[in-house]
Amino acid sequence: MMGDAGEAEDLCQETLLRAYQNRHRYDPAHRFSTWLFTLATRLCLSEIRRRQIRPLFMQGATPLYSKGRPGAEDPVSRLASPSPSPREAAEARQAERLLVAALAQLPPAYRAPLSLFYEQELSIADIASALGISENLVKVRLFRGRRQLLEILRPQLE
C-alpha cells in the first residue's frame, strides 16, 4: 500500500508498537490477525492521507496477483506470472513494474482492499472488519479496483 519497502517496514514497526500499547483493546472473540490488519491498514491509510503520496512503483515488490487464488480468473494476473526463461523473467519483472505503477494510481479506497485480498489473502469478511466497512462495499471496491487496473493496463495487455 505504501509503495516503498522502507516506509512499509516503519509502519509495520509502528503497528506492532500500537498493538502492544493497545493490547487491552483486543477482543478475543475476534481473530487477532483481523485486529492487527485493521491497525496496519488504518496506519497506512492515515500516512497516505497525511503525505498524499502517489509512488510511481516499488522496486523488488511482490506482484499483487502473483499469489492469486487457485482457479481465480483475473485478467491482470497473466502480467505477473512467474517465468522460467531469462526473457520471460525480464518480461515478468517489467509486468510487475507496470502492475505496481498502475496500483499506485488507484485511490487508497481501492488499493487497500486489493492489497489485503491478493497479497495478504484475507477473506472478504476480514477485509471488511479491517477497513471498518461492509462486506458488500469490499466486494464493490474489489470489483471497481480491478476494473480500474484493467483500464490502466489495457494498452500493455494489447
Protein backbone atom coordinates (compact mmCIF):
# COMPACT_ATOMS: atom_id res chain seq x y z
CA MET A 1 0.00 0.00 0.00
CA MET A 2 2.82 2.41 0.75
CA GLY A 3 4.84 1.94 -2.42
CA ASP A 4 8.15 1.85 -0.57
CA ALA A 5 9.62 -1.05 1.38
CA GLY A 6 11.29 1.25 3.92
CA GLU A 7 8.05 3.07 4.69
CA ALA A 8 6.22 -0.24 4.93
CA GLU A 9 8.77 -1.54 7.45
CA ASP A 10 8.44 1.63 9.52
CA LEU A 11 4.66 1.32 9.55
CA CYS A 12 4.95 -2.37 10.41
CA GLN A 13 7.01 -1.47 13.46
CA GLU A 14 4.54 1.27 14.36
CA THR A 15 1.69 -1.24 14.02
CA LEU A 16 3.37 -3.68 16.37
CA LEU A 17 4.09 -0.92 18.86
CA ARG A 18 0.48 0.26 18.80
CA ALA A 19 -0.78 -3.30 19.07
CA TYR A 20 1.33 -3.75 22.19
CA GLN A 21 0.23 -0.42 23.65
CA ASN A 22 -3.44 -1.16 22.93
CA ARG A 23 -3.44 -4.87 23.70
CA HIS A 24 -6.13 -4.27 26.31
CA ARG A 25 -8.49 -3.24 23.49
CA TYR A 26 -8.18 -6.57 21.69
CA ASP A 27 -11.38 -8.61 21.89
CA PRO A 28 -10.56 -12.36 21.94
CA ALA A 29 -13.97 -13.05 20.40
CA HIS A 30 -12.47 -11.84 17.10
CA ARG A 31 -9.45 -13.08 15.18
CA PHE A 32 -6.18 -11.49 16.24
CA SER A 33 -4.98 -11.24 12.64
CA THR A 34 -8.03 -9.17 11.69
CA TRP A 35 -7.40 -6.79 14.59
CA LEU A 36 -3.74 -6.47 13.62
CA PHE A 37 -4.55 -5.91 9.93
CA THR A 38 -7.06 -3.25 10.98
CA LEU A 39 -4.34 -1.40 12.88
CA ALA A 40 -1.88 -1.72 10.00
CA THR A 41 -4.37 -0.70 7.33
CA ARG A 42 -5.56 2.33 9.24
CA LEU A 43 -1.99 3.44 9.87
CA CYS A 44 -1.16 3.09 6.18
CA LEU A 45 -4.25 4.99 5.07
CA SER A 46 -3.56 7.74 7.59
CA GLU A 47 0.01 8.03 6.38
CA ILE A 48 -1.10 8.12 2.74
CA ARG A 49 -3.58 10.88 3.54
CA ARG A 50 -1.01 12.75 5.60
CA ARG A 51 1.73 12.66 2.99
CA GLN A 52 -0.54 12.49 -0.04
CA ILE A 53 1.93 10.14 -1.66
CA ARG A 54 1.41 8.56 -5.02
CA PRO A 55 4.52 6.41 -5.67
CA LEU A 56 5.34 5.56 -9.26
CA PHE A 57 6.36 1.99 -8.50
CA MET A 58 8.02 -0.21 -5.89
CA GLN A 59 11.33 -1.87 -6.59
CA GLY A 60 11.51 -5.52 -5.56
CA ALA A 61 7.85 -5.74 -4.61
CA THR A 62 5.83 -8.92 -4.68
CA PRO A 63 3.36 -8.63 -7.52
CA LEU A 64 -0.21 -8.19 -6.39
CA TYR A 65 -1.60 -11.09 -8.39
CA SER A 66 1.33 -13.49 -8.16
CA LYS A 67 -0.26 -15.17 -5.14
CA GLY A 68 -3.61 -15.34 -6.90
CA ARG A 69 -6.17 -17.74 -5.61
CA PRO A 70 -6.31 -21.13 -7.33
CA GLY A 71 -8.85 -21.11 -10.11
CA ALA A 72 -9.33 -17.35 -9.92
CA GLU A 73 -9.73 -15.80 -13.32
CA ASP A 74 -8.18 -12.36 -13.15
CA PRO A 75 -7.40 -10.53 -16.40
CA VAL A 76 -4.34 -8.85 -14.89
CA SER A 77 -2.79 -11.97 -13.36
CA ARG A 78 -1.03 -13.02 -16.55
CA LEU A 79 1.15 -9.91 -16.26
CA ALA A 80 2.87 -11.19 -13.12
CA SER A 81 3.12 -14.91 -13.80
CA PRO A 82 6.48 -16.49 -12.96
CA SER A 83 8.64 -17.39 -15.95
CA PRO A 84 11.46 -19.93 -16.29
CA SER A 85 13.43 -18.44 -19.23
CA PRO A 86 15.52 -15.26 -18.89
CA ARG A 87 13.42 -13.46 -21.50
CA GLU A 88 10.20 -14.41 -19.75
CA ALA A 89 11.71 -13.45 -16.38
CA ALA A 90 12.57 -10.00 -17.75
CA GLU A 91 9.06 -9.66 -19.15
CA ALA A 92 7.62 -10.67 -15.78
CA ARG A 93 9.72 -8.03 -13.99
CA GLN A 94 8.54 -5.40 -16.46
CA ALA A 95 4.94 -6.56 -15.99
CA GLU A 96 5.38 -6.31 -12.22
CA ARG A 97 6.60 -2.73 -12.56
CA LEU A 98 3.61 -1.90 -14.74
CA LEU A 99 1.22 -3.50 -12.28
CA VAL A 100 2.69 -1.73 -9.27
CA ALA A 101 2.67 1.59 -11.15
CA ALA A 102 -0.99 1.00 -12.02
CA LEU A 103 -1.75 0.18 -8.38
CA ALA A 104 -0.14 3.42 -7.29
CA GLN A 105 -2.62 5.29 -9.49
CA LEU A 106 -5.59 3.79 -7.67
CA PRO A 107 -7.19 5.67 -4.79
CA PRO A 108 -6.43 4.17 -1.34
CA ALA A 109 -10.07 3.08 -1.09
CA TYR A 110 -9.43 0.57 -3.91
CA ARG A 111 -5.75 -0.11 -3.29
CA ALA A 112 -6.28 -1.25 0.32
CA PRO A 113 -8.89 -3.96 -0.39
CA LEU A 114 -6.91 -5.25 -3.39
CA SER A 115 -3.74 -5.43 -1.31
CA LEU A 116 -5.45 -7.19 1.59
CA PHE A 117 -7.24 -9.65 -0.71
CA TYR A 118 -4.40 -10.62 -3.05
CA GLU A 119 -1.23 -10.01 -1.06
CA GLN A 120 -2.41 -10.84 2.45
CA GLU A 121 -5.02 -13.34 1.22
CA LEU A 122 -7.65 -12.12 3.67
CA SER A 123 -11.28 -13.08 3.26
CA ILE A 124 -13.95 -10.55 2.33
CA ALA A 125 -15.22 -10.63 5.93
CA ASP A 126 -11.74 -10.00 7.35
CA ILE A 127 -11.15 -7.12 4.92
CA ALA A 128 -14.49 -5.59 5.87
CA SER A 129 -13.58 -5.84 9.52
CA ALA A 130 -10.07 -4.45 8.97
CA LEU A 131 -11.32 -1.47 6.97
CA GLY A 132 -14.44 -0.89 9.03
CA ILE A 133 -16.77 -1.21 6.04
CA SER A 134 -19.46 -3.67 4.97
CA GLU A 135 -18.69 -6.87 3.08
CA ASN A 136 -20.74 -5.61 0.15
CA LEU A 137 -18.66 -2.45 -0.01
CA VAL A 138 -15.49 -4.57 -0.01
CA LYS A 139 -16.85 -6.53 -2.98
CA VAL A 140 -17.74 -3.31 -4.79
CA ARG A 141 -14.28 -1.84 -4.18
CA LEU A 142 -12.55 -5.03 -5.32
CA PHE A 143 -14.65 -5.06 -8.49
CA ARG A 144 -14.10 -1.37 -9.23
CA GLY A 145 -10.41 -1.56 -8.33
CA ARG A 146 -9.88 -4.49 -10.71
CA ARG A 147 -11.79 -2.66 -13.41
CA GLN A 148 -9.68 0.49 -12.96
CA LEU A 149 -6.49 -1.59 -13.01
CA LEU A 150 -7.60 -3.21 -16.23
CA GLU A 151 -8.31 0.18 -17.80
CA ILE A 152 -4.91 1.49 -16.73
CA LEU A 153 -3.16 -1.64 -18.01
CA ARG A 154 -5.24 -2.15 -21.18
CA PRO A 155 -2.61 -0.59 -23.51
CA GLN A 156 0.04 -3.00 -22.17
CA LEU A 157 -2.27 -6.03 -22.44
CA GLU A 158 -2.95 -5.49 -26.13
